[in-house]
Amino acid sequence: MARTVVRWNSDIVEKIRDKHGLTTSEVEDVLLDDTLPTTVSNSVPHRPCKFGYTSTGKHIIVVWVVLQVEPEVLLPVTAYPVSVPKRRRR
Protein backbone atom coordinates (compact mmCIF):
# COMPACT_ATOMS: atom_id res chain seq x y z
CA MET A 1 0.00 0.00 0.00
CA ALA A 2 1.34 3.44 -0.94
CA ARG A 3 2.12 5.95 1.74
CA THR A 4 0.00 9.09 2.04
CA VAL A 5 1.86 12.23 0.99
CA VAL A 6 1.06 15.60 2.53
CA ARG A 7 1.76 18.50 0.20
CA TRP A 8 2.18 21.86 1.90
CA ASN A 9 1.46 25.33 0.53
CA SER A 10 3.75 28.00 2.03
CA ASP A 11 0.80 30.37 2.63
CA ILE A 12 -1.03 27.70 4.63
CA VAL A 13 2.10 26.83 6.63
CA GLU A 14 2.54 30.49 7.51
CA LYS A 15 -1.13 30.90 8.46
CA ILE A 16 -1.33 27.85 10.73
CA ARG A 17 1.96 28.84 12.38
CA ASP A 18 1.40 32.58 12.81
CA LYS A 19 -2.36 32.75 13.32
CA HIS A 20 -3.09 29.40 14.96
CA GLY A 21 0.22 28.49 16.64
CA LEU A 22 0.53 25.06 15.00
CA THR A 23 3.40 23.29 13.29
CA THR A 24 3.14 21.10 10.21
CA SER A 25 4.10 18.14 12.40
CA GLU A 26 1.17 18.79 14.73
CA VAL A 27 -1.22 19.00 11.77
CA GLU A 28 0.15 15.76 10.33
CA ASP A 29 -0.29 14.06 13.74
CA VAL A 30 -4.05 14.38 13.25
CA LEU A 31 -4.28 14.27 9.46
CA LEU A 32 -2.38 10.99 9.14
CA ASP A 33 -3.95 9.24 12.16
CA ASP A 34 -5.98 6.42 10.61
CA THR A 35 -7.75 5.76 13.92
CA LEU A 36 -9.56 9.11 13.75
CA PRO A 37 -12.82 9.35 11.79
CA THR A 38 -13.05 11.66 8.80
CA THR A 39 -16.10 13.93 8.69
CA VAL A 40 -17.22 16.83 6.51
CA SER A 41 -16.31 20.35 7.59
CA ASN A 42 -18.92 23.01 8.33
CA SER A 43 -16.31 25.78 8.24
CA VAL A 44 -15.03 24.89 4.75
CA PRO A 45 -18.06 23.35 2.99
CA HIS A 46 -17.73 19.91 1.46
CA ARG A 47 -14.14 19.38 2.62
CA PRO A 48 -13.02 16.37 4.64
CA CYS A 49 -11.81 17.06 8.17
CA LYS A 50 -10.61 15.34 11.32
CA PHE A 51 -10.62 16.34 14.97
CA GLY A 52 -7.89 14.99 17.19
CA TYR A 53 -5.00 15.54 19.56
CA THR A 54 -1.50 16.40 18.45
CA SER A 55 1.56 14.77 20.01
CA THR A 56 1.92 18.01 22.00
CA GLY A 57 -1.57 17.67 23.48
CA LYS A 58 -3.44 20.28 21.44
CA HIS A 59 -6.98 19.44 20.30
CA ILE A 60 -7.30 20.62 16.69
CA ILE A 61 -9.33 20.34 13.52
CA VAL A 62 -7.62 19.72 10.18
CA VAL A 63 -9.40 20.41 6.87
CA TRP A 64 -7.90 19.24 3.57
CA VAL A 65 -8.45 18.48 -0.09
CA VAL A 66 -7.43 15.33 -1.92
CA LEU A 67 -5.11 16.25 -4.78
CA GLN A 68 -4.53 12.70 -5.97
CA VAL A 69 -6.08 9.36 -5.04
CA GLU A 70 -3.33 6.85 -5.87
CA PRO A 71 -0.89 7.41 -4.34
CA GLU A 72 -2.87 9.55 -1.94
CA VAL A 73 -1.75 13.19 -1.89
CA LEU A 74 -3.42 15.54 0.60
CA LEU A 75 -3.27 19.33 0.81
CA PRO A 76 -4.22 20.80 4.20
CA VAL A 77 -6.27 23.97 3.66
CA THR A 78 -6.60 24.97 7.32
CA ALA A 79 -5.95 23.70 10.82
CA TYR A 80 -6.63 25.34 14.16
CA PRO A 81 -7.15 24.56 17.85
CA VAL A 82 -10.69 23.79 18.95
CA SER A 83 -12.22 23.28 22.36
CA VAL A 84 -12.81 19.75 23.51
CA PRO A 85 -16.50 18.84 23.17
CA LYS A 86 -18.30 18.51 26.47
CA ARG A 87 -20.16 15.33 27.22
CA ARG A 88 -23.90 15.59 27.26
CA ARG A 89 -25.69 14.94 30.51
CA ARG A 90 -28.38 12.31 30.45
C-alpha atoms as a PDB file:
ATOM      1  CA  MET A   1       0.000   0.000   0.000  1.00  0.00           C
ATOM      2  CA  ALA A   2       1.341   3.436  -0.942  1.00  0.00           C
ATOM      3  CA  ARG A   3       2.124   5.947   1.741  1.00  0.00           C
ATOM      4  CA  THR A   4       0.002   9.094   2.036  1.00  0.00           C
ATOM      5  CA  VAL A   5       1.862  12.228   0.994  1.00  0.00           C
ATOM      6  CA  VAL A   6       1.057  15.599   2.532  1.00  0.00           C
ATOM      7  CA  ARG A   7       1.756  18.500   0.202  1.00  0.00           C
ATOM      8  CA  TRP A   8       2.180  21.862   1.903  1.00  0.00           C
ATOM      9  CA  ASN A   9       1.461  25.330   0.527  1.00  0.00           C
ATOM     10  CA  SER A  10       3.751  28.005   2.027  1.00  0.00           C
ATOM     11  CA  ASP A  11       0.805  30.370   2.628  1.00  0.00           C
ATOM     12  CA  ILE A  12      -1.034  27.700   4.634  1.00  0.00           C
ATOM     13  CA  VAL A  13       2.095  26.830   6.627  1.00  0.00           C
ATOM     14  CA  GLU A  14       2.535  30.492   7.507  1.00  0.00           C
ATOM     15  CA  LYS A  15      -1.129  30.903   8.457  1.00  0.00           C
ATOM     16  CA  ILE A  16      -1.331  27.854  10.728  1.00  0.00           C
ATOM     17  CA  ARG A  17       1.964  28.838  12.376  1.00  0.00           C
ATOM     18  CA  ASP A  18       1.396  32.579  12.811  1.00  0.00           C
ATOM     19  CA  LYS A  19      -2.359  32.751  13.318  1.00  0.00           C
ATOM     20  CA  HIS A  20      -3.093  29.400  14.960  1.00  0.00           C
ATOM     21  CA  GLY A  21       0.221  28.492  16.643  1.00  0.00           C
ATOM     22  CA  LEU A  22       0.528  25.063  15.003  1.00  0.00           C
ATOM     23  CA  THR A  23       3.403  23.291  13.293  1.00  0.00           C
ATOM     24  CA  THR A  24       3.137  21.104  10.214  1.00  0.00           C
ATOM     25  CA  SER A  25       4.095  18.137  12.405  1.00  0.00           C
ATOM     26  CA  GLU A  26       1.166  18.793  14.727  1.00  0.00           C
ATOM     27  CA  VAL A  27      -1.225  18.999  11.773  1.00  0.00           C
ATOM     28  CA  GLU A  28       0.155  15.762  10.334  1.00  0.00           C
ATOM     29  CA  ASP A  29      -0.289  14.058  13.741  1.00  0.00           C
ATOM     30  CA  VAL A  30      -4.046  14.382  13.254  1.00  0.00           C
ATOM     31  CA  LEU A  31      -4.281  14.266   9.457  1.00  0.00           C
ATOM     32  CA  LEU A  32      -2.376  10.986   9.142  1.00  0.00           C
ATOM     33  CA  ASP A  33      -3.946   9.243  12.161  1.00  0.00           C
ATOM     34  CA  ASP A  34      -5.976   6.420  10.610  1.00  0.00           C
ATOM     35  CA  THR A  35      -7.749   5.757  13.918  1.00  0.00           C
ATOM     36  CA  LEU A  36      -9.555   9.112  13.749  1.00  0.00           C
ATOM     37  CA  PRO A  37     -12.816   9.347  11.793  1.00  0.00           C
ATOM     38  CA  THR A  38     -13.054  11.657   8.798  1.00  0.00           C
ATOM     39  CA  THR A  39     -16.101  13.927   8.691  1.00  0.00           C
ATOM     40  CA  VAL A  40     -17.216  16.833   6.510  1.00  0.00           C
ATOM     41  CA  SER A  41     -16.306  20.355   7.591  1.00  0.00           C
ATOM     42  CA  ASN A  42     -18.918  23.006   8.331  1.00  0.00           C
ATOM     43  CA  SER A  43     -16.311  25.780   8.238  1.00  0.00           C
ATOM     44  CA  VAL A  44     -15.031  24.891   4.751  1.00  0.00           C
ATOM     45  CA  PRO A  45     -18.063  23.355   2.993  1.00  0.00           C
ATOM     46  CA  HIS A  46     -17.727  19.912   1.463  1.00  0.00           C
ATOM     47  CA  ARG A  47     -14.138  19.376   2.618  1.00  0.00           C
ATOM     48  CA  PRO A  48     -13.021  16.372   4.644  1.00  0.00           C
ATOM     49  CA  CYS A  49     -11.810  17.061   8.171  1.00  0.00           C
ATOM     50  CA  LYS A  50     -10.612  15.336  11.323  1.00  0.00           C
ATOM     51  CA  PHE A  51     -10.617  16.336  14.972  1.00  0.00           C
ATOM     52  CA  GLY A  52      -7.891  14.986  17.192  1.00  0.00           C
ATOM     53  CA  TYR A  53      -4.998  15.538  19.559  1.00  0.00           C
ATOM     54  CA  THR A  54      -1.501  16.398  18.445  1.00  0.00           C
ATOM     55  CA  SER A  55       1.557  14.773  20.007  1.00  0.00           C
ATOM     56  CA  THR A  56       1.924  18.014  22.000  1.00  0.00           C
ATOM     57  CA  GLY A  57      -1.574  17.672  23.481  1.00  0.00           C
ATOM     58  CA  LYS A  58      -3.442  20.282  21.445  1.00  0.00           C
ATOM     59  CA  HIS A  59      -6.985  19.439  20.304  1.00  0.00           C
ATOM     60  CA  ILE A  60      -7.300  20.616  16.687  1.00  0.00           C
ATOM     61  CA  ILE A  61      -9.327  20.338  13.518  1.00  0.00           C
ATOM     62  CA  VAL A  62      -7.618  19.724  10.177  1.00  0.00           C
ATOM     63  CA  VAL A  63      -9.396  20.414   6.871  1.00  0.00           C
ATOM     64  CA  TRP A  64      -7.896  19.245   3.568  1.00  0.00           C
ATOM     65  CA  VAL A  65      -8.455  18.482  -0.094  1.00  0.00           C
ATOM     66  CA  VAL A  66      -7.426  15.330  -1.919  1.00  0.00           C
ATOM     67  CA  LEU A  67      -5.106  16.249  -4.776  1.00  0.00           C
ATOM     68  CA  GLN A  68      -4.530  12.700  -5.966  1.00  0.00           C
ATOM     69  CA  VAL A  69      -6.077   9.362  -5.044  1.00  0.00           C
ATOM     70  CA  GLU A  70      -3.326   6.852  -5.866  1.00  0.00           C
ATOM     71  CA  PRO A  71      -0.888   7.409  -4.340  1.00  0.00           C
ATOM     72  CA  GLU A  72      -2.872   9.548  -1.944  1.00  0.00           C
ATOM     73  CA  VAL A  73      -1.752  13.192  -1.887  1.00  0.00           C
ATOM     74  CA  LEU A  74      -3.423  15.544   0.597  1.00  0.00           C
ATOM     75  CA  LEU A  75      -3.269  19.331   0.810  1.00  0.00           C
ATOM     76  CA  PRO A  76      -4.217  20.800   4.197  1.00  0.00           C
ATOM     77  CA  VAL A  77      -6.266  23.970   3.661  1.00  0.00           C
ATOM     78  CA  THR A  78      -6.600  24.969   7.319  1.00  0.00           C
ATOM     79  CA  ALA A  79      -5.952  23.697  10.819  1.00  0.00           C
ATOM     80  CA  TYR A  80      -6.627  25.342  14.156  1.00  0.00           C
ATOM     81  CA  PRO A  81      -7.147  24.561  17.849  1.00  0.00           C
ATOM     82  CA  VAL A  82     -10.690  23.792  18.947  1.00  0.00           C
ATOM     83  CA  SER A  83     -12.225  23.285  22.356  1.00  0.00           C
ATOM     84  CA  VAL A  84     -12.814  19.749  23.511  1.00  0.00           C
ATOM     85  CA  PRO A  85     -16.501  18.844  23.172  1.00  0.00           C
ATOM     86  CA  LYS A  86     -18.298  18.511  26.472  1.00  0.00           C
ATOM     87  CA  ARG A  87     -20.158  15.333  27.218  1.00  0.00           C
ATOM     88  CA  ARG A  88     -23.903  15.591  27.257  1.00  0.00           C
ATOM     89  CA  ARG A  89     -25.688  14.936  30.509  1.00  0.00           C
ATOM     90  CA  ARG A  90     -28.375  12.309  30.450  1.00  0.00           C
END
